[in-house]
Amino acid sequence: LAKAARSGKQVVVVLELKARFDEEKNISWATELEQAGAIVTYGVARFKVHAKAALIIRKRQDGSIARYIHLSTGNYNEKTARSYVDFCLFTSNPSLCTDIALFFNILTGYSSIRSLSLIALSPFDLKDRIIGFIEREIAQATPESPGLIIAKLNSLSDPDLIAALYRASAKGVQIKLNVRGVCTLIPGVAGLSENIEVCSVLGRYLEHGRMLYFRNGGSEELYISSADWLQRNMKKRLELLFPVLDKEIKARCKDILNIYFADNTHAYRLKNDGTWIDLSLSRRPEDPLLYAQEKLYKMARKTARNLEEKQEILQVRRSKGKSIGQ
């Protein structure tokens, strides 16, 4: 960012000083960015900025404007990037880009706080949007086609969201929750939460991503979010909940959720008495071993290698085309 500012690009950075609990280091970065020519702001009064987003605007050779956004569940942090498992979305979808442009206008004081179009923003409409999704599953559920909610979270303790999940379970909606840390919801209680399953995967990397899936009567919807289902995140933080619109990426995200629930080496299941069961102890000898983090790591490495090979092919083609032109 500093290099971009020094080269004449317009750079605006919203830096949350309390992030990573290292105000001194963040102030140092802010000073360096300002000295390079970037505009640095420090968020919105009374709310901690926990959303993670980047917006790139450039002018094409034909004079038209191109916009790209990067939305993430993880910080732009060199240390946590090595040890945390996070999700991010890189897209040029016009509607999502417009929402994020408005979001940055809010953060920098150029616009008043208001709801966005496709993206939900806490503490304003994110919680209501999630409860609306849950209520929609309840309304669409039938004995022949029960609703389905799958959620991957760091923590779950917000009373309103838990109450909504209990209502959904009582109406027959199947609910699968992957919660890394605090979970005050009690699964498996007859008449209340017998349709709720809670698991947790503890491995080499710290699970930090948040992802939500709703069957929606067959018109599946999938969302990624920076927010945990805690009262502080819903009331005192600026958080984002954004949809995954591309069918191929949506299918990949759903596969990722299912892989976590298939883990039989590093997964635990929450009982209705508050204790956790180590699922590796109930694994049968004939069952193939599945460690979710290792499987996802290998998938990511394979994808990266394929992209590297494609980049090399493109570079060779470009260099050949350039030499022919010369």
C-alpha atoms as a PDB file:
ATOM      1  CA  LEU A   1       0.000   0.000   0.000  1.00  0.00           C
ATOM      2  CA  ALA A   2       2.838   2.371   0.832  1.00  0.00           C
ATOM      3  CA  LYS A   3       4.560   1.503  -2.450  1.00  0.00           C
ATOM      4  CA  ALA A   4       1.316   2.180  -4.340  1.00  0.00           C
ATOM      5  CA  ALA A   5       0.915   5.554  -2.614  1.00  0.00           C
ATOM      6  CA  ARG A   6       4.519   6.537  -3.393  1.00  0.00           C
ATOM      7  CA  SER A   7       3.980   5.632  -7.053  1.00  0.00           C
ATOM      8  CA  GLY A   8       1.081   8.067  -7.337  1.00  0.00           C
ATOM      9  CA  LYS A   9      -1.897   5.788  -6.708  1.00  0.00           C
ATOM     10  CA  GLN A  10      -4.683   7.086  -4.483  1.00  0.00           C
ATOM     11  CA  VAL A  11      -4.645   4.921  -1.346  1.00  0.00           C
ATOM     12  CA  VAL A  12      -7.103   5.025   1.540  1.00  0.00           C
ATOM     13  CA  VAL A  13      -6.582   2.734   4.530  1.00  0.00           C
ATOM     14  CA  VAL A  14      -9.021   2.121   7.372  1.00  0.00           C
ATOM     15  CA  LEU A  15      -6.842   0.842  10.201  1.00  0.00           C
ATOM     16  CA  GLU A  16      -8.345  -0.546  13.398  1.00  0.00           C
ATOM     17  CA  LEU A  17      -5.825   0.397  16.065  1.00  0.00           C
ATOM     18  CA  LYS A  18      -7.076  -2.251  18.490  1.00  0.00           C
ATOM     19  CA  ALA A  19      -6.592  -5.067  15.990  1.00  0.00           C
ATOM     20  CA  ARG A  20      -4.169  -7.841  17.058  1.00  0.00           C
ATOM     21  CA  PHE A  21      -3.963  -6.134  20.504  1.00  0.00           C
ATOM     22  CA  ASP A  22      -0.896  -4.185  19.375  1.00  0.00           C
ATOM     23  CA  GLU A  23      -1.792  -0.491  19.204  1.00  0.00           C
ATOM     24  CA  GLU A  24       1.863   0.582  19.136  1.00  0.00           C
ATOM     25  CA  LYS A  25       2.623  -1.492  16.034  1.00  0.00           C
ATOM     26  CA  ASN A  26      -0.560  -0.337  14.294  1.00  0.00           C
ATOM     27  CA  ILE A  27       0.249   3.327  14.999  1.00  0.00           C
ATOM     28  CA  SER A  28       3.695   2.739  13.506  1.00  0.00           C
ATOM     29  CA  TRP A  29       2.139   1.281  10.339  1.00  0.00           C
ATOM     30  CA  ALA A  30      -0.321   4.167  10.143  1.00  0.00           C
ATOM     31  CA  THR A  31       2.530   6.693  10.372  1.00  0.00           C
ATOM     32  CA  GLU A  32       4.478   4.928   7.629  1.00  0.00           C
ATOM     33  CA  LEU A  33       1.428   4.854   5.353  1.00  0.00           C
ATOM     34  CA  GLU A  34       0.717   8.542   5.919  1.00  0.00           C
ATOM     35  CA  GLN A  35       4.327   9.467   5.208  1.00  0.00           C
ATOM     36  CA  ALA A  36       4.049   7.540   1.935  1.00  0.00           C
ATOM     37  CA  GLY A  37       1.033   9.646   0.957  1.00  0.00           C
ATOM     38  CA  ALA A  38      -1.849   7.357   1.902  1.00  0.00           C
ATOM     39  CA  ILE A  39      -4.954   8.659   3.650  1.00  0.00           C
ATOM     40  CA  VAL A  40      -5.391   6.761   6.932  1.00  0.00           C
ATOM     41  CA  THR A  41      -8.589   6.746   8.980  1.00  0.00           C
ATOM     42  CA  TYR A  42      -9.391   4.875  12.155  1.00  0.00           C
ATOM     43  CA  GLY A  43     -12.940   3.622  11.655  1.00  0.00           C
ATOM     44  CA  VAL A  44     -16.232   4.706  13.164  1.00  0.00           C
ATOM     45  CA  ALA A  45     -16.726   6.109  16.666  1.00  0.00           C
ATOM     46  CA  ARG A  46     -18.193   3.647  19.209  1.00  0.00           C
ATOM     47  CA  PHE A  47     -17.713   0.597  16.949  1.00  0.00           C
ATOM     48  CA  LYS A  48     -14.697  -1.622  16.430  1.00  0.00           C
ATOM     49  CA  VAL A  49     -14.120  -2.373  12.744  1.00  0.00           C
ATOM     50  CA  HIS A  50     -13.857  -6.162  12.531  1.00  0.00           C
ATOM     51  CA  ALA A  51     -14.744  -6.429   8.827  1.00  0.00           C
ATOM     52  CA  LYS A  52     -11.898  -7.196   6.431  1.00  0.00           C
ATOM     53  CA  ALA A  53     -12.189  -5.806   2.913  1.00  0.00           C
ATOM     54  CA  ALA A  54     -10.178  -4.332   0.058  1.00  0.00           C
ATOM     55  CA  LEU A  55     -11.461  -2.346  -2.924  1.00  0.00           C
ATOM     56  CA  ILE A  56      -9.366  -1.731  -6.044  1.00  0.00           C
ATOM     57  CA  ILE A  57     -10.524   0.778  -8.660  1.00  0.00           C
ATOM     58  CA  ARG A  58      -8.628   1.199 -11.918  1.00  0.00           C
ATOM     59  CA  LYS A  59      -9.150   2.789 -15.303  1.00  0.00           C
ATOM     60  CA  ARG A  60      -8.850   0.471 -18.293  1.00  0.00           C
ATOM     61  CA  GLN A  61      -7.092   1.471 -21.499  1.00  0.00           C
ATOM     62  CA  ASP A  62     -10.457   2.186 -23.147  1.00  0.00           C
ATOM     63  CA  GLY A  63     -11.303   4.656 -20.370  1.00  0.00           C
ATOM     64  CA  SER A  64     -13.871   2.472 -18.584  1.00  0.00           C
ATOM     65  CA  ILE A  65     -13.665   1.867 -14.843  1.00  0.00           C
ATOM     66  CA  ALA A  66     -12.973  -1.593 -13.390  1.00  0.00           C
ATOM     67  CA  ARG A  67     -13.577  -2.480  -9.738  1.00  0.00           C
ATOM     68  CA  TYR A  68     -12.405  -5.511  -7.778  1.00  0.00           C
ATOM     69  CA  ILE A  69     -13.023  -6.438  -4.152  1.00  0.00           C
ATOM     70  CA  HIS A  70     -11.406  -8.852  -1.736  1.00  0.00           C
ATOM     71  CA  LEU A  71     -13.537  -9.877   1.249  1.00  0.00           C
ATOM     72  CA  SER A  72     -12.147 -12.053   4.016  1.00  0.00           C
ATOM     73  CA  THR A  73     -12.847 -13.638   7.383  1.00  0.00           C
ATOM     74  CA  GLY A  74      -9.186 -13.176   8.364  1.00  0.00           C
ATOM     75  CA  ASN A  75      -7.041 -10.148   9.052  1.00  0.00           C
ATOM     76  CA  TYR A  76      -4.379  -8.883   6.676  1.00  0.00           C
ATOM     77  CA  ASN A  77      -1.799 -10.142   9.132  1.00  0.00           C
ATOM     78  CA  GLU A  78       1.453 -11.877   8.223  1.00  0.00           C
ATOM     79  CA  LYS A  79       1.437 -14.088  11.340  1.00  0.00           C
ATOM     80  CA  THR A  80      -2.154 -15.317  11.448  1.00  0.00           C
ATOM     81  CA  ALA A  81      -2.076 -15.951   7.681  1.00  0.00           C
ATOM     82  CA  ARG A  82       0.349 -18.797   8.404  1.00  0.00           C
ATOM     83  CA  SER A  83      -1.589 -20.497  11.192  1.00  0.00           C
ATOM     84  CA  TYR A  84      -5.296 -19.582  10.776  1.00  0.00           C
ATOM     85  CA  VAL A  85      -7.822 -21.194   8.450  1.00  0.00           C
ATOM     86  CA  ASP A  86      -9.851 -18.443   6.786  1.00  0.00           C
ATOM     87  CA  PHE A  87     -12.090 -17.908   3.762  1.00  0.00           C
ATOM     88  CA  CYS A  88     -11.877 -15.062   1.290  1.00  0.00           C
ATOM     89  CA  LEU A  89     -13.679 -14.027  -1.864  1.00  0.00           C
ATOM     90  CA  PHE A  90     -12.127 -12.095  -4.759  1.00  0.00           C
ATOM     91  CA  THR A  91     -14.723 -10.810  -7.193  1.00  0.00           C
ATOM     92  CA  SER A  92     -15.653  -8.073  -9.639  1.00  0.00           C
ATOM     93  CA  ASN A  93     -19.404  -8.563  -9.234  1.00  0.00           C
ATOM     94  CA  PRO A  94     -20.853  -5.060  -9.820  1.00  0.00           C
ATOM     95  CA  SER A  95     -23.466  -5.219  -7.041  1.00  0.00           C
ATOM     96  CA  LEU A  96     -20.994  -6.459  -4.430  1.00  0.00           C
ATOM     97  CA  CYS A  97     -18.445  -3.846  -5.545  1.00  0.00           C
ATOM     98  CA  THR A  98     -21.061  -1.099  -5.158  1.00  0.00           C
ATOM     99  CA  ASP A  99     -21.891  -2.310  -1.645  1.00  0.00           C
ATOM    100  CA  ILE A 100     -18.232  -2.304  -0.591  1.00  0.00           C
ATOM    101  CA  ALA A 101     -17.679   1.140  -2.108  1.00  0.00           C
ATOM    102  CA  LEU A 102     -20.572   2.397   0.040  1.00  0.00           C
ATOM    103  CA  PHE A 103     -19.105   0.577   3.036  1.00  0.00           C
ATOM    104  CA  PHE A 104     -15.796   2.401   2.621  1.00  0.00           C
ATOM    105  CA  ASN A 105     -17.685   5.683   2.241  1.00  0.00           C
ATOM    106  CA  ILE A 106     -19.299   4.948   5.612  1.00  0.00           C
ATOM    107  CA  LEU A 107     -15.940   4.143   7.216  1.00  0.00           C
ATOM    108  CA  THR A 108     -14.283   7.294   5.875  1.00  0.00           C
ATOM    109  CA  GLY A 109     -17.175   9.599   6.746  1.00  0.00           C
ATOM    110  CA  TYR A 110     -18.306  10.340   3.188  1.00  0.00           C
ATOM    111  CA  SER A 111     -21.690   8.673   3.752  1.00  0.00           C
ATOM    112  CA  SER A 112     -24.062   8.152   6.640  1.00  0.00           C
ATOM    113  CA  ILE A 113     -24.532   4.642   7.986  1.00  0.00           C
ATOM    114  CA  ARG A 114     -27.229   2.790   6.088  1.00  0.00           C
ATOM    115  CA  SER A 115     -28.083  -0.695   4.909  1.00  0.00           C
ATOM    116  CA  LEU A 116     -26.407  -2.095   1.827  1.00  0.00           C
ATOM    117  CA  SER A 117     -27.920  -4.142  -0.998  1.00  0.00           C
ATOM    118  CA  LEU A 118     -26.510  -7.688  -1.082  1.00  0.00           C
ATOM    119  CA  ILE A 119     -24.180  -7.364   1.897  1.00  0.00           C
ATOM    120  CA  ALA A 120     -25.429  -7.255   5.488  1.00  0.00           C
ATOM    121  CA  LEU A 121     -23.694  -4.975   7.977  1.00  0.00           C
ATOM    122  CA  SER A 122     -23.674  -5.219  11.753  1.00  0.00           C
ATOM    123  CA  PRO A 123     -24.735  -3.712  14.059  1.00  0.00           C
ATOM    124  CA  PHE A 124     -27.481  -2.568  11.679  1.00  0.00           C
ATOM    125  CA  ASP A 125     -29.076  -5.443   9.748  1.00  0.00           C
ATOM    126  CA  LEU A 126     -26.730  -8.454   9.866  1.00  0.00           C
ATOM    127  CA  LYS A 127     -28.402 -10.197  12.796  1.00  0.00           C
ATOM    128  CA  ASP A 128     -31.911  -9.572  11.449  1.00  0.00           C
ATOM    129  CA  ARG A 129     -30.831 -10.893   8.059  1.00  0.00           C
ATOM    130  CA  ILE A 130     -29.568 -14.173   9.582  1.00  0.00           C
ATOM    131  CA  ILE A 131     -32.737 -14.621  11.645  1.00  0.00           C
ATOM    132  CA  GLY A 132     -34.724 -13.989   8.462  1.00  0.00           C
ATOM    133  CA  PHE A 133     -32.820 -16.769   6.694  1.00  0.00           C
ATOM    134  CA  ILE A 134     -33.557 -19.147   9.578  1.00  0.00           C
ATOM    135  CA  GLU A 135     -37.255 -18.201   9.607  1.00  0.00           C
ATOM    136  CA  ARG A 136     -37.387 -18.809   5.856  1.00  0.00           C
ATOM    137  CA  GLU A 137     -36.108 -22.371   6.397  1.00  0.00           C
ATOM    138  CA  ILE A 138     -38.856 -22.872   8.987  1.00  0.00           C
ATOM    139  CA  ALA A 139     -41.540 -21.612   6.602  1.00  0.00           C
ATOM    140  CA  GLN A 140     -40.360 -23.858   3.760  1.00  0.00           C
ATOM    141  CA  ALA A 141     -39.784 -27.029   5.792  1.00  0.00           C
ATOM    142  CA  THR A 142     -42.056 -30.018   5.187  1.00  0.00           C
ATOM    143  CA  PRO A 143     -41.842 -33.653   6.402  1.00  0.00           C
ATOM    144  CA  GLU A 144     -40.888 -34.668   2.863  1.00  0.00           C
ATOM    145  CA  SER A 145     -38.370 -31.866   2.410  1.00  0.00           C
ATOM    146  CA  PRO A 146     -37.064 -30.544   5.739  1.00  0.00           C
ATOM    147  CA  GLY A 147     -34.998 -27.410   5.680  1.00  0.00           C
ATOM    148  CA  LEU A 148     -31.238 -27.527   6.128  1.00  0.00           C
ATOM    149  CA  ILE A 149     -28.859 -25.056   7.780  1.00  0.00           C
ATOM    150  CA  ILE A 150     -25.099 -25.590   7.941  1.00  0.00           C
ATOM    151  CA  ALA A 151     -22.954 -23.061   9.778  1.00  0.00           C
ATOM    152  CA  LYS A 152     -19.256 -22.841  10.535  1.00  0.00           C
ATOM    153  CA  LEU A 153     -18.482 -20.410  13.363  1.00  0.00           C
ATOM    154  CA  ASN A 154     -15.813 -19.535  15.889  1.00  0.00           C
ATOM    155  CA  SER A 155     -18.279 -18.941  18.708  1.00  0.00           C
ATOM    156  CA  LEU A 156     -22.024 -19.113  19.343  1.00  0.00           C
ATOM    157  CA  SER A 157     -23.702 -17.472  22.320  1.00  0.00           C
ATOM    158  CA  ASP A 158     -26.109 -14.808  21.024  1.00  0.00           C
ATOM    159  CA  PRO A 159     -29.486 -15.601  22.701  1.00  0.00           C
ATOM    160  CA  ASP A 160     -31.641 -14.404  19.793  1.00  0.00           C
ATOM    161  CA  LEU A 161     -29.793 -16.460  17.205  1.00  0.00           C
ATOM    162  CA  ILE A 162     -29.815 -19.526  19.444  1.00  0.00           C
ATOM    163  CA  ALA A 163     -33.571 -19.097  20.009  1.00  0.00           C
ATOM    164  CA  ALA A 164     -34.097 -18.925  16.235  1.00  0.00           C
ATOM    165  CA  LEU A 165     -32.131 -22.159  15.777  1.00  0.00           C
ATOM    166  CA  TYR A 166     -34.219 -23.841  18.500  1.00  0.00           C
ATOM    167  CA  ARG A 167     -37.421 -22.767  16.713  1.00  0.00           C
ATOM    168  CA  ALA A 168     -36.103 -24.172  13.462  1.00  0.00           C
ATOM    169  CA  SER A 169     -35.149 -27.479  15.054  1.00  0.00           C
ATOM    170  CA  ALA A 170     -38.597 -27.794  16.654  1.00  0.00           C
ATOM    171  CA  LYS A 171     -40.132 -27.397  13.174  1.00  0.00           C
ATOM    172  CA  GLY A 172     -37.987 -30.188  11.735  1.00  0.00           C
ATOM    173  CA  VAL A 173     -35.198 -28.138  10.106  1.00  0.00           C
ATOM    174  CA  GLN A 174     -31.931 -30.096  10.097  1.00  0.00           C
ATOM    175  CA  ILE A 175     -29.112 -27.982  11.554  1.00  0.00           C
ATOM    176  CA  LYS A 176     -25.397 -28.803  11.450  1.00  0.00           C
ATOM    177  CA  LEU A 177     -23.077 -26.482  13.357  1.00  0.00           C
ATOM    178  CA  ASN A 178     -19.288 -26.502  13.330  1.00  0.00           C
ATOM    179  CA  VAL A 179     -18.209 -24.322  16.275  1.00  0.00           C
ATOM    180  CA  ARG A 180     -14.540 -24.015  17.168  1.00  0.00           C
ATOM    181  CA  GLY A 181     -14.879 -22.387  20.588  1.00  0.00           C
ATOM    182  CA  VAL A 182     -17.644 -21.159  22.892  1.00  0.00           C
ATOM    183  CA  CYS A 183     -21.053 -22.710  22.243  1.00  0.00           C
ATOM    184  CA  THR A 184     -23.907 -22.112  24.684  1.00  0.00           C
ATOM    185  CA  LEU A 185     -26.474 -23.860  22.468  1.00  0.00           C
ATOM    186  CA  ILE A 186     -27.453 -27.304  23.788  1.00  0.00           C
ATOM    187  CA  PRO A 187     -28.008 -29.867  21.007  1.00  0.00           C
ATOM    188  CA  GLY A 188     -30.001 -33.091  21.131  1.00  0.00           C
ATOM    189  CA  VAL A 189     -32.738 -32.045  23.587  1.00  0.00           C
ATOM    190  CA  ALA A 190     -36.097 -33.636  22.750  1.00  0.00           C
ATOM    191  CA  GLY A 191     -38.694 -31.118  21.625  1.00  0.00           C
ATOM    192  CA  LEU A 192     -36.131 -28.335  21.488  1.00  0.00           C
ATOM    193  CA  SER A 193     -32.925 -29.203  19.635  1.00  0.00           C
ATOM    194  CA  GLU A 194     -33.059 -32.861  18.600  1.00  0.00           C
ATOM    195  CA  ASN A 195     -32.383 -31.809  15.003  1.00  0.00           C
ATOM    196  CA  ILE A 196     -29.242 -29.872  15.868  1.00  0.00           C
ATOM    197  CA  GLU A 197     -25.762 -31.385  15.620  1.00  0.00           C
ATOM    198  CA  VAL A 198     -22.680 -29.542  16.907  1.00  0.00           C
ATOM    199  CA  CYS A 199     -19.133 -30.562  16.072  1.00  0.00           C
ATOM    200  CA  SER A 200     -15.704 -28.969  16.441  1.00  0.00           C
ATOM    201  CA  VAL A 201     -12.491 -29.665  14.531  1.00  0.00           C
ATOM    202  CA  LEU A 202      -9.241 -29.042  16.414  1.00  0.00           C
ATOM    203  CA  GLY A 203      -6.082 -29.506  14.390  1.00  0.00           C
ATOM    204  CA  ARG A 204      -2.768 -27.977  13.448  1.00  0.00           C
ATOM    205  CA  TYR A 205      -4.344 -24.721  12.279  1.00  0.00           C
ATOM    206  CA  LEU A 206      -6.734 -22.464  14.163  1.00  0.00           C
ATOM    207  CA  GLU A 207     -10.184 -22.521  12.565  1.00  0.00           C
ATOM    208  CA  HIS A 208     -11.167 -18.892  11.979  1.00  0.00           C
ATOM    209  CA  GLY A 209     -13.530 -18.908   8.982  1.00  0.00           C
ATOM    210  CA  ARG A 210     -17.285 -18.304   9.175  1.00  0.00           C
ATOM    211  CA  MET A 211     -19.573 -19.735   6.531  1.00  0.00           C
ATOM    212  CA  LEU A 212     -23.370 -20.222   6.361  1.00  0.00           C
ATOM    213  CA  TYR A 213     -25.445 -22.463   4.103  1.00  0.00           C
ATOM    214  CA  PHE A 214     -29.246 -22.423   3.702  1.00  0.00           C
ATOM    215  CA  ARG A 215     -31.112 -24.937   1.526  1.00  0.00           C
ATOM    216  CA  ASN A 216     -33.843 -22.346   0.814  1.00  0.00           C
ATOM    217  CA  GLY A 217     -36.274 -24.815  -0.732  1.00  0.00           C
ATOM    218  CA  GLY A 218     -33.696 -25.966  -3.263  1.00  0.00           C
ATOM    219  CA  SER A 219     -32.499 -22.471  -4.257  1.00  0.00           C
ATOM    220  CA  GLU A 220     -29.374 -22.826  -2.157  1.00  0.00           C
ATOM    221  CA  GLU A 221     -27.721 -19.768  -0.631  1.00  0.00           C
ATOM    222  CA  LEU A 222     -24.250 -19.564   0.864  1.00  0.00           C
ATOM    223  CA  TYR A 223     -22.660 -16.721   2.793  1.00  0.00           C
ATOM    224  CA  ILE A 224     -19.259 -15.890   4.259  1.00  0.00           C
ATOM    225  CA  SER A 225     -18.946 -13.541   7.223  1.00  0.00           C
ATOM    226  CA  SER A 226     -16.421 -11.819   9.453  1.00  0.00           C
ATOM    227  CA  ALA A 227     -18.836 -12.072  12.398  1.00  0.00           C
ATOM    228  CA  ASP A 228     -19.165 -14.682  15.091  1.00  0.00           C
ATOM    229  CA  TRP A 229     -22.596 -15.222  16.600  1.00  0.00           C
ATOM    230  CA  LEU A 230     -21.819 -13.287  19.781  1.00  0.00           C
ATOM    231  CA  GLN A 231     -23.697 -10.301  21.183  1.00  0.00           C
ATOM    232  CA  ARG A 232     -20.610  -8.080  20.980  1.00  0.00           C
ATOM    233  CA  ASN A 233     -20.208  -8.821  17.253  1.00  0.00           C
ATOM    234  CA  MET A 234     -23.863  -8.120  16.556  1.00  0.00           C
ATOM    235  CA  LYS A 235     -24.042  -4.912  18.654  1.00  0.00           C
ATOM    236  CA  LYS A 236     -20.617  -3.324  19.006  1.00  0.00           C
ATOM    237  CA  ARG A 237     -18.660  -4.218  15.872  1.00  0.00           C
ATOM    238  CA  LEU A 238     -18.789  -3.408  12.193  1.00  0.00           C
ATOM    239  CA  GLU A 239     -19.039  -6.814  10.534  1.00  0.00           C
ATOM    240  CA  LEU A 240     -19.915  -8.020   7.035  1.00  0.00           C
ATOM    241  CA  LEU A 241     -22.017 -10.921   5.778  1.00  0.00           C
ATOM    242  CA  PHE A 242     -21.657 -11.390   2.016  1.00  0.00           C
ATOM    243  CA  PRO A 243     -23.152 -13.917  -0.415  1.00  0.00           C
ATOM    244  CA  VAL A 244     -21.265 -16.317  -2.655  1.00  0.00           C
ATOM    245  CA  LEU A 245     -23.061 -15.888  -5.983  1.00  0.00           C
ATOM    246  CA  ASP A 246     -20.924 -17.904  -8.388  1.00  0.00           C
ATOM    247  CA  LYS A 247     -22.313 -21.457  -8.742  1.00  0.00           C
ATOM    248  CA  GLU A 248     -18.924 -23.124  -8.994  1.00  0.00           C
ATOM    249  CA  ILE A 249     -17.523 -21.354  -5.939  1.00  0.00           C
ATOM    250  CA  LYS A 250     -20.752 -22.000  -4.028  1.00  0.00           C
ATOM    251  CA  ALA A 251     -20.450 -25.739  -4.743  1.00  0.00           C
ATOM    252  CA  ARG A 252     -16.822 -25.678  -3.601  1.00  0.00           C
ATOM    253  CA  CYS A 253     -17.777 -23.940  -0.345  1.00  0.00           C
ATOM    254  CA  LYS A 254     -20.492 -26.519   0.304  1.00  0.00           C
ATOM    255  CA  ASP A 255     -17.929 -29.286  -0.233  1.00  0.00           C
ATOM    256  CA  ILE A 256     -15.655 -27.610   2.320  1.00  0.00           C
ATOM    257  CA  LEU A 257     -18.454 -27.562   4.911  1.00  0.00           C
ATOM    258  CA  ASN A 258     -19.202 -31.240   4.298  1.00  0.00           C
ATOM    259  CA  ILE A 259     -15.531 -32.195   4.609  1.00  0.00           C
ATOM    260  CA  TYR A 260     -15.436 -30.752   8.118  1.00  0.00           C
ATOM    261  CA  PHE A 261     -18.431 -32.856   9.146  1.00  0.00           C
ATOM    262  CA  ALA A 262     -16.790 -35.979   7.684  1.00  0.00           C
ATOM    263  CA  ASP A 263     -13.643 -35.558   9.813  1.00  0.00           C
ATOM    264  CA  ASN A 264     -13.066 -38.684  11.934  1.00  0.00           C
ATOM    265  CA  THR A 265      -9.563 -38.007  13.287  1.00  0.00           C
ATOM    266  CA  HIS A 266      -9.639 -34.494  14.807  1.00  0.00           C
ATOM    267  CA  ALA A 267     -13.366 -33.869  15.346  1.00  0.00           C
ATOM    268  CA  TYR A 268     -15.455 -33.717  18.502  1.00  0.00           C
ATOM    269  CA  ARG A 269     -19.228 -33.756  18.967  1.00  0.00           C
ATOM    270  CA  LEU A 270     -21.110 -31.832  21.656  1.00  0.00           C
ATOM    271  CA  LYS A 271     -23.551 -33.829  23.831  1.00  0.00           C
ATOM    272  CA  ASN A 272     -26.635 -32.392  25.526  1.00  0.00           C
ATOM    273  CA  ASP A 273     -24.892 -32.601  28.919  1.00  0.00           C
ATOM    274  CA  GLY A 274     -22.210 -30.153  27.774  1.00  0.00           C
ATOM    275  CA  THR A 275     -19.432 -32.713  27.288  1.00  0.00           C
ATOM    276  CA  TRP A 276     -17.599 -33.421  24.042  1.00  0.00           C
ATOM    277  CA  ILE A 277     -17.060 -36.833  22.411  1.00  0.00           C
ATOM    278  CA  ASP A 278     -13.841 -37.574  20.540  1.00  0.00           C
ATOM    279  CA  LEU A 279     -15.168 -38.974  17.242  1.00  0.00           C
ATOM    280  CA  SER A 280     -11.892 -40.752  16.497  1.00  0.00           C
ATOM    281  CA  LEU A 281     -12.735 -43.180  19.328  1.00  0.00           C
ATOM    282  CA  SER A 282     -15.924 -44.330  17.565  1.00  0.00           C
ATOM    283  CA  ARG A 283     -14.244 -44.741  14.164  1.00  0.00           C
ATOM    284  CA  ARG A 284     -14.455 -48.284  12.815  1.00  0.00           C
ATOM    285  CA  PRO A 285     -11.243 -50.031  11.662  1.00  0.00           C
ATOM    286  CA  GLU A 286     -12.551 -50.224   8.084  1.00  0.00           C
ATOM    287  CA  ASP A 287     -13.391 -46.500   7.927  1.00  0.00           C
ATOM    288  CA  PRO A 288     -10.940 -44.466   5.817  1.00  0.00           C
ATOM    289  CA  LEU A 289      -9.144 -41.763   7.797  1.00  0.00           C
ATOM    290  CA  LEU A 290     -10.247 -38.209   7.044  1.00  0.00           C
ATOM    291  CA  TYR A 291      -8.535 -35.204   8.601  1.00  0.00           C
ATOM    292  CA  ALA A 292     -10.378 -32.140   7.309  1.00  0.00           C
ATOM    293  CA  GLN A 293      -7.508 -29.656   7.591  1.00  0.00           C
ATOM    294  CA  GLU A 294      -5.075 -31.971   5.812  1.00  0.00           C
ATOM    295  CA  LYS A 295      -7.552 -32.702   3.014  1.00  0.00           C
ATOM    296  CA  LEU A 296      -8.328 -29.014   2.506  1.00  0.00           C
ATOM    297  CA  TYR A 297      -4.611 -28.178   2.603  1.00  0.00           C
ATOM    298  CA  LYS A 298      -3.915 -30.686  -0.173  1.00  0.00           C
ATOM    299  CA  MET A 299      -6.848 -29.349  -2.194  1.00  0.00           C
ATOM    300  CA  ALA A 300      -5.517 -25.796  -1.845  1.00  0.00           C
ATOM    301  CA  ARG A 301      -1.987 -26.857  -2.833  1.00  0.00           C
ATOM    302  CA  LYS A 302      -3.311 -28.662  -5.907  1.00  0.00           C
ATOM    303  CA  THR A 303      -5.341 -25.605  -6.940  1.00  0.00           C
ATOM    304  CA  ALA A 304      -2.301 -23.355  -6.452  1.00  0.00           C
ATOM    305  CA  ARG A 305      -0.083 -25.634  -8.556  1.00  0.00           C
ATOM    306  CA  ASN A 306      -2.668 -25.713 -11.349  1.00  0.00           C
ATOM    307  CA  LEU A 307      -2.839 -21.906 -11.323  1.00  0.00           C
ATOM    308  CA  GLU A 308       0.952 -21.642 -11.375  1.00  0.00           C
ATOM    309  CA  GLU A 309       1.109 -23.959 -14.391  1.00  0.00           C
ATOM    310  CA  LYS A 310      -1.522 -21.883 -16.204  1.00  0.00           C
ATOM    311  CA  GLN A 311       0.404 -18.688 -15.416  1.00  0.00           C
ATOM    312  CA  GLU A 312       3.609 -20.201 -16.801  1.00  0.00           C
ATOM    313  CA  ILE A 313       1.822 -21.245 -20.008  1.00  0.00           C
ATOM    314  CA  LEU A 314       0.371 -17.743 -20.427  1.00  0.00           C
ATOM    315  CA  GLN A 315       3.768 -16.132 -19.867  1.00  0.00           C
ATOM    316  CA  VAL A 316       5.365 -18.399 -22.492  1.00  0.00           C
ATOM    317  CA  ARG A 317       2.599 -17.580 -24.984  1.00  0.00           C
ATOM    318  CA  ARG A 318       2.934 -13.852 -24.313  1.00  0.00           C
ATOM    319  CA  SER A 319       6.709 -13.930 -24.698  1.00  0.00           C
ATOM    320  CA  LYS A 320       6.407 -15.838 -27.987  1.00  0.00           C
ATOM    321  CA  GLY A 321       3.768 -13.426 -29.247  1.00  0.00           C
ATOM    322  CA  LYS A 322       5.981 -10.490 -28.294  1.00  0.00           C
ATOM    323  CA  SER A 323       9.009 -11.885 -30.119  1.00  0.00           C
ATOM    324  CA  ILE A 324       6.916 -12.554 -33.236  1.00  0.00           C
ATOM    325  CA  GLY A 325       5.583  -9.007 -33.118  1.00  0.00           C
ATOM    326  CA  GLN A 326       9.095  -7.580 -32.773  1.00  0.00           C
END
